[in-house]
C-alpha atoms as a PDB file:
ATOM      1  CA  MET A   1      81.644  78.266 115.444  1.00  0.00           C
ATOM      2  CA  ALA A   2      77.971  78.062 114.174  1.00  0.00           C
ATOM      3  CA  THR A   3      75.863  81.341 113.893  1.00  0.00           C
ATOM      4  CA  LYS A   4      73.003  81.830 116.431  1.00  0.00           C
ATOM      5  CA  THR A   5      70.026  84.319 116.719  1.00  0.00           C
ATOM      6  CA  TYR A   6      70.102  86.257 119.609  1.00  0.00           C
ATOM      7  CA  PHE A   7      67.155  88.497 120.737  1.00  0.00           C
ATOM      8  CA  PHE A   8      68.478  92.127 122.356  1.00  0.00           C
ATOM      9  CA  THR A   9      65.900  93.876 124.343  1.00  0.00           C
ATOM     10  CA  PRO A  10      65.738  97.083 126.923  1.00  0.00           C
ATOM     11  CA  GLU A  11      65.382  96.246 130.578  1.00  0.00           C
ATOM     12  CA  LYS A  12      62.129  96.330 131.486  1.00  0.00           C
ATOM     13  CA  LYS A  13      62.440  98.805 134.685  1.00  0.00           C
ATOM     14  CA  VAL A  14      61.684 102.249 133.673  1.00  0.00           C
ATOM     15  CA  LEU A  15      64.441 104.015 135.079  1.00  0.00           C
ATOM     16  CA  LYS A  16      67.188 101.743 134.163  1.00  0.00           C
ATOM     17  CA  GLN A  17      69.073 101.803 130.992  1.00  0.00           C
ATOM     18  CA  GLY A  18      70.276  98.392 130.786  1.00  0.00           C
ATOM     19  CA  PHE A  19      69.929  95.885 128.202  1.00  0.00           C
ATOM     20  CA  TYR A  20      70.247  92.152 127.981  1.00  0.00           C
ATOM     21  CA  MET A  21      70.443  89.173 125.145  1.00  0.00           C
ATOM     22  CA  GLU A  22      68.782  85.809 125.204  1.00  0.00           C
ATOM     23  CA  ASP A  23      69.021  82.809 123.092  1.00  0.00           C
ATOM     24  CA  GLU A  24      66.189  80.744 121.208  1.00  0.00           C
ATOM     25  CA  ASN A  25      65.444  79.127 124.605  1.00  0.00           C
ATOM     26  CA  LYS A  26      65.144  82.679 126.578  1.00  0.00           C
ATOM     27  CA  GLN A  27      68.345  81.868 128.521  1.00  0.00           C
ATOM     28  CA  LEU A  28      70.127  84.728 129.589  1.00  0.00           C
ATOM     29  CA  VAL A  29      73.607  85.065 127.652  1.00  0.00           C
ATOM     30  CA  TYR A  30      74.642  88.700 127.955  1.00  0.00           C
ATOM     31  CA  GLU A  31      73.670  91.871 130.104  1.00  0.00           C
ATOM     32  CA  ALA A  32      74.474  95.687 130.543  1.00  0.00           C
ATOM     33  CA  LYS A  33      73.574  96.257 134.318  1.00  0.00           C
ATOM     34  CA  MET A  34      73.352  99.925 135.072  1.00  0.00           C
ATOM     35  CA  LEU A  35      74.698 100.298 138.588  1.00  0.00           C
ATOM     36  CA  LYS A  36      74.839 103.758 138.819  1.00  0.00           C
ATOM     37  CA  GLN A  37      73.049 106.723 137.073  1.00  0.00           C
ATOM     38  CA  PRO A  38      74.602 110.138 138.498  1.00  0.00           C
ATOM     39  CA  LEU A  39      73.170 113.324 137.915  1.00  0.00           C
ATOM     40  CA  PHE A  40      76.813 114.415 136.405  1.00  0.00           C
ATOM     41  CA  GLY A  41      79.105 112.430 134.564  1.00  0.00           C
ATOM     42  CA  PRO A  42      78.781 108.914 133.213  1.00  0.00           C
ATOM     43  CA  MET A  43      76.826 106.034 134.270  1.00  0.00           C
ATOM     44  CA  LEU A  44      78.386 102.827 135.619  1.00  0.00           C
ATOM     45  CA  PHE A  45      77.363  99.891 133.833  1.00  0.00           C
ATOM     46  CA  ASP A  46      78.220  96.028 134.310  1.00  0.00           C
ATOM     47  CA  PHE A  47      78.487  94.262 131.090  1.00  0.00           C
ATOM     48  CA  VAL A  48      77.904  90.566 131.778  1.00  0.00           C
ATOM     49  CA  ASN A  49      78.800  87.341 129.463  1.00  0.00           C
ATOM     50  CA  HIS A  50      77.099  84.792 131.005  1.00  0.00           C
ATOM     51  CA  CYS A  51      78.790  82.425 128.585  1.00  0.00           C
ATOM     52  CA  THR A  52      82.212  82.922 129.992  1.00  0.00           C
ATOM     53  CA  ASN A  53      81.207  84.483 133.182  1.00  0.00           C
ATOM     54  CA  LYS A  54      83.427  87.384 132.526  1.00  0.00           C
ATOM     55  CA  THR A  55      82.315  90.887 133.961  1.00  0.00           C
ATOM     56  CA  GLU A  56      83.597  94.207 133.032  1.00  0.00           C
ATOM     57  CA  THR A  57      82.734  97.689 134.375  1.00  0.00           C
ATOM     58  CA  HIS A  58      82.381 100.344 132.081  1.00  0.00           C
ATOM     59  CA  LYS A  59      81.505 104.211 132.497  1.00  0.00           C
ATOM     60  CA  VAL A  60      78.842 104.980 129.550  1.00  0.00           C
ATOM     61  CA  GLY A  61      78.219 108.722 129.454  1.00  0.00           C
ATOM     62  CA  LYS A  62      75.057 110.290 128.260  1.00  0.00           C
ATOM     63  CA  THR A  63      73.981 110.202 124.557  1.00  0.00           C
ATOM     64  CA  MET A  64      74.479 113.115 122.478  1.00  0.00           C
ATOM     65  CA  THR A  65      72.662 113.720 119.042  1.00  0.00           C
ATOM     66  CA  ILE A  66      73.386 116.294 116.440  1.00  0.00           C
ATOM     67  CA  GLN A  67      70.852 116.780 113.778  1.00  0.00           C
ATOM     68  CA  GLN A  68      72.305 118.238 110.397  1.00  0.00           C
ATOM     69  CA  GLY A  69      69.915 119.436 107.544  1.00  0.00           C
ATOM     70  CA  SER A  70      66.297 119.978 107.816  1.00  0.00           C
ATOM     71  CA  GLY A  71      62.961 118.308 106.734  1.00  0.00           C
ATOM     72  CA  ILE A  72      62.190 114.760 105.876  1.00  0.00           C
ATOM     73  CA  LEU A  73      66.126 114.154 105.327  1.00  0.00           C
ATOM     74  CA  SER A  74      67.037 115.774 109.095  1.00  0.00           C
ATOM     75  CA  GLY A  75      66.858 112.134 110.536  1.00  0.00           C
ATOM     76  CA  LEU A  76      69.137 110.597 107.951  1.00  0.00           C
ATOM     77  CA  SER A  77      71.960 112.963 108.691  1.00  0.00           C
ATOM     78  CA  THR A  78      72.035 112.600 112.255  1.00  0.00           C
ATOM     79  CA  LYS A  79      75.389 112.106 114.444  1.00  0.00           C
ATOM     80  CA  SER A  80      74.485 110.193 117.631  1.00  0.00           C
ATOM     81  CA  TYR A  81      77.413 108.688 120.064  1.00  0.00           C
ATOM     82  CA  PHE A  82      77.956 108.374 123.778  1.00  0.00           C
ATOM     83  CA  LYS A  83      81.450 108.201 125.496  1.00  0.00           C
ATOM     84  CA  PHE A  84      82.656 104.732 126.561  1.00  0.00           C
ATOM     85  CA  ASP A  85      85.040 104.619 129.042  1.00  0.00           C
ATOM     86  CA  GLY A  86      85.910 108.320 127.948  1.00  0.00           C
ATOM     87  CA  VAL A  87      86.156 107.763 124.242  1.00  0.00           C
ATOM     88  CA  LYS A  88      83.409 108.237 121.789  1.00  0.00           C
ATOM     89  CA  ILE A  89      81.550 104.393 121.299  1.00  0.00           C
ATOM     90  CA  TRP A  90      82.223 104.958 117.423  1.00  0.00           C
ATOM     91  CA  ASP A  91      86.181 105.731 117.777  1.00  0.00           C
ATOM     92  CA  HIS A  92      85.982 103.028 120.342  1.00  0.00           C
ATOM     93  CA  LEU A  93      84.989 100.020 117.826  1.00  0.00           C
ATOM     94  CA  HIS A  94      86.465 101.604 115.029  1.00  0.00           C
ATOM     95  CA  ASP A  95      89.952 101.097 116.876  1.00  0.00           C
ATOM     96  CA  GLN A  96      89.061  97.481 117.309  1.00  0.00           C
ATOM     97  CA  GLY A  97      88.490  97.256 113.736  1.00  0.00           C
ATOM     98  CA  VAL A  98      84.709  97.130 113.556  1.00  0.00           C
ATOM     99  CA  ARG A  99      82.905  98.343 110.862  1.00  0.00           C
ATOM    100  CA  ILE A 100      79.302  98.736 110.324  1.00  0.00           C
ATOM    101  CA  ASP A 101      77.489  98.698 107.121  1.00  0.00           C
ATOM    102  CA  SER A 102      73.684  99.818 107.528  1.00  0.00           C
ATOM    103  CA  ALA A 103      70.351  99.451 105.462  1.00  0.00           C
ATOM    104  CA  LEU A 104      66.543  99.117 105.349  1.00  0.00           C
ATOM    105  CA  SER A 105      65.452  95.856 106.494  1.00  0.00           C
ATOM    106  CA  SER A 106      64.256  93.668 103.412  1.00  0.00           C
ATOM    107  CA  ASN A 107      60.465  94.376 105.099  1.00  0.00           C
ATOM    108  CA  LYS A 108      61.158  98.193 104.884  1.00  0.00           C
ATOM    109  CA  ILE A 109      60.368  98.472 108.594  1.00  0.00           C
ATOM    110  CA  GLY A 110      63.406  99.121 110.606  1.00  0.00           C
ATOM    111  CA  MET A 111      67.281  98.915 110.082  1.00  0.00           C
ATOM    112  CA  THR A 112      69.705  96.104 109.118  1.00  0.00           C
ATOM    113  CA  TYR A 113      73.234  96.127 109.957  1.00  0.00           C
ATOM    114  CA  THR A 114      75.857  94.091 108.951  1.00  0.00           C
ATOM    115  CA  VAL A 115      79.327  94.290 111.237  1.00  0.00           C
ATOM    116  CA  THR A 116      82.484  93.153 110.623  1.00  0.00           C
ATOM    117  CA  LEU A 117      85.561  92.750 112.143  1.00  0.00           C
ATOM    118  CA  LYS A 118      88.852  93.352 110.498  1.00  0.00           C
ATOM    119  CA  GLY A 119      86.728  92.620 107.579  1.00  0.00           C
ATOM    120  CA  GLN A 120      85.661  89.374 108.600  1.00  0.00           C
ATOM    121  CA  PRO A 121      81.750  89.006 109.549  1.00  0.00           C
ATOM    122  CA  LEU A 122      81.310  89.618 113.175  1.00  0.00           C
ATOM    123  CA  ALA A 123      77.532  89.938 113.207  1.00  0.00           C
ATOM    124  CA  THR A 124      74.045  90.912 111.477  1.00  0.00           C
ATOM    125  CA  ILE A 125      72.068  93.360 113.858  1.00  0.00           C
ATOM    126  CA  ALA A 126      68.250  93.603 112.556  1.00  0.00           C
ATOM    127  CA  SER A 127      65.191  95.535 114.408  1.00  0.00           C
ATOM    128  CA  ALA A 128      63.040  93.467 115.632  1.00  0.00           C
ATOM    129  CA  ALA A 129      59.422  93.394 117.346  1.00  0.00           C
ATOM    130  CA  PRO A 130      59.521  92.639 121.065  1.00  0.00           C
ATOM    131  CA  ASN A 131      59.169  89.106 122.191  1.00  0.00           C
ATOM    132  CA  GLY A 132      61.929  87.491 120.121  1.00  0.00           C
ATOM    133  CA  GLY A 133      60.942  89.660 116.672  1.00  0.00           C
ATOM    134  CA  LYS A 134      57.278  88.381 117.008  1.00  0.00           C
ATOM    135  CA  GLY A 135      54.630  90.875 116.987  1.00  0.00           C
ATOM    136  CA  ILE A 136      54.689  94.735 116.070  1.00  0.00           C
ATOM    137  CA  LEU A 137      57.821  96.777 115.486  1.00  0.00           C
ATOM    138  CA  THR A 138      57.124  98.972 118.280  1.00  0.00           C
ATOM    139  CA  SER A 139      60.543 100.225 119.682  1.00  0.00           C
ATOM    140  CA  SER A 140      64.088 100.256 117.761  1.00  0.00           C
ATOM    141  CA  PHE A 141      65.613  98.860 121.049  1.00  0.00           C
ATOM    142  CA  PHE A 142      64.499  95.365 120.058  1.00  0.00           C
ATOM    143  CA  TYR A 143      67.055  93.623 117.869  1.00  0.00           C
ATOM    144  CA  ASN A 144      67.892  90.024 116.282  1.00  0.00           C
ATOM    145  CA  VAL A 145      71.957  89.376 116.734  1.00  0.00           C
ATOM    146  CA  ALA A 146      72.976  86.931 114.515  1.00  0.00           C
ATOM    147  CA  THR A 147      76.797  86.034 115.749  1.00  0.00           C
ATOM    148  CA  ASP A 148      78.618  83.263 117.416  1.00  0.00           C
ATOM    149  CA  GLU A 149      79.511  82.752 120.710  1.00  0.00           C
ATOM    150  CA  GLU A 150      83.333  84.027 120.064  1.00  0.00           C
ATOM    151  CA  ASN A 151      81.717  87.337 118.785  1.00  0.00           C
ATOM    152  CA  LEU A 152      79.267  87.978 121.591  1.00  0.00           C
ATOM    153  CA  ASP A 153      81.255  90.248 123.427  1.00  0.00           C
ATOM    154  CA  LEU A 154      81.766  92.863 120.446  1.00  0.00           C
ATOM    155  CA  ALA A 155      78.176  92.140 119.066  1.00  0.00           C
ATOM    156  CA  PHE A 156      76.682  92.713 122.053  1.00  0.00           C
ATOM    157  CA  LEU A 157      78.827  96.133 122.466  1.00  0.00           C
ATOM    158  CA  THR A 158      77.943  97.457 118.882  1.00  0.00           C
ATOM    159  CA  THR A 159      74.277  96.083 119.657  1.00  0.00           C
ATOM    160  CA  PHE A 160      74.081  98.227 122.870  1.00  0.00           C
ATOM    161  CA  ALA A 161      75.757 101.497 120.841  1.00  0.00           C
ATOM    162  CA  VAL A 162      72.826 100.960 117.925  1.00  0.00           C
ATOM    163  CA  ALA A 163      70.311 100.835 120.413  1.00  0.00           C
ATOM    164  CA  ARG A 164      71.507 103.431 122.646  1.00  0.00           C
ATOM    165  CA  THR A 165      72.171 106.122 119.983  1.00  0.00           C
ATOM    166  CA  GLU A 166      69.641 107.898 117.182  1.00  0.00           C
ATOM    167  CA  GLN A 167      71.870 107.651 114.445  1.00  0.00           C
ATOM    168  CA  VAL A 168      70.448 105.655 111.248  1.00  0.00           C
ATOM    169  CA  PHE A 169      73.074 105.107 108.930  1.00  0.00           C
ATOM    170  CA  TYR A 170      76.574 104.211 110.152  1.00  0.00           C
ATOM    171  CA  ASN A 171      78.484 103.274 106.597  1.00  0.00           C
END
């Protein structure tokens, strides 16, 4: 299958924590819709693959962040995660064979994540500016995701994890 570039964006509603992904033609291909945000306990999300018309409901916990170190290096040693159906998201992805290699983007603004599945290329996730990567980089929640349609589920979930956490390096 051919690799395409998709645009991963947060939902525009302030109180919602959902995300969606569009193709180059601004067609919605994937989304994580928050259904329920209880005061205590995990949020309920529908993960909808619009290419396969498959919807899965998952419990997504609050993001937990632990900073290690101090000064300028403290951000580089941050550990951040949330629970996905009761399991830490990085453990969930790791158990499926997902590995993430991170590096500064070539433009030195933002990060690029190379994602593999059982040693084979899965996706490349790169920090981007809003509007499909055009404009000023204002948030780490916007990403360009290069993957094929066959790997859309795991590529979206991995990007969702990167966007919801404050961890910089995942190697």
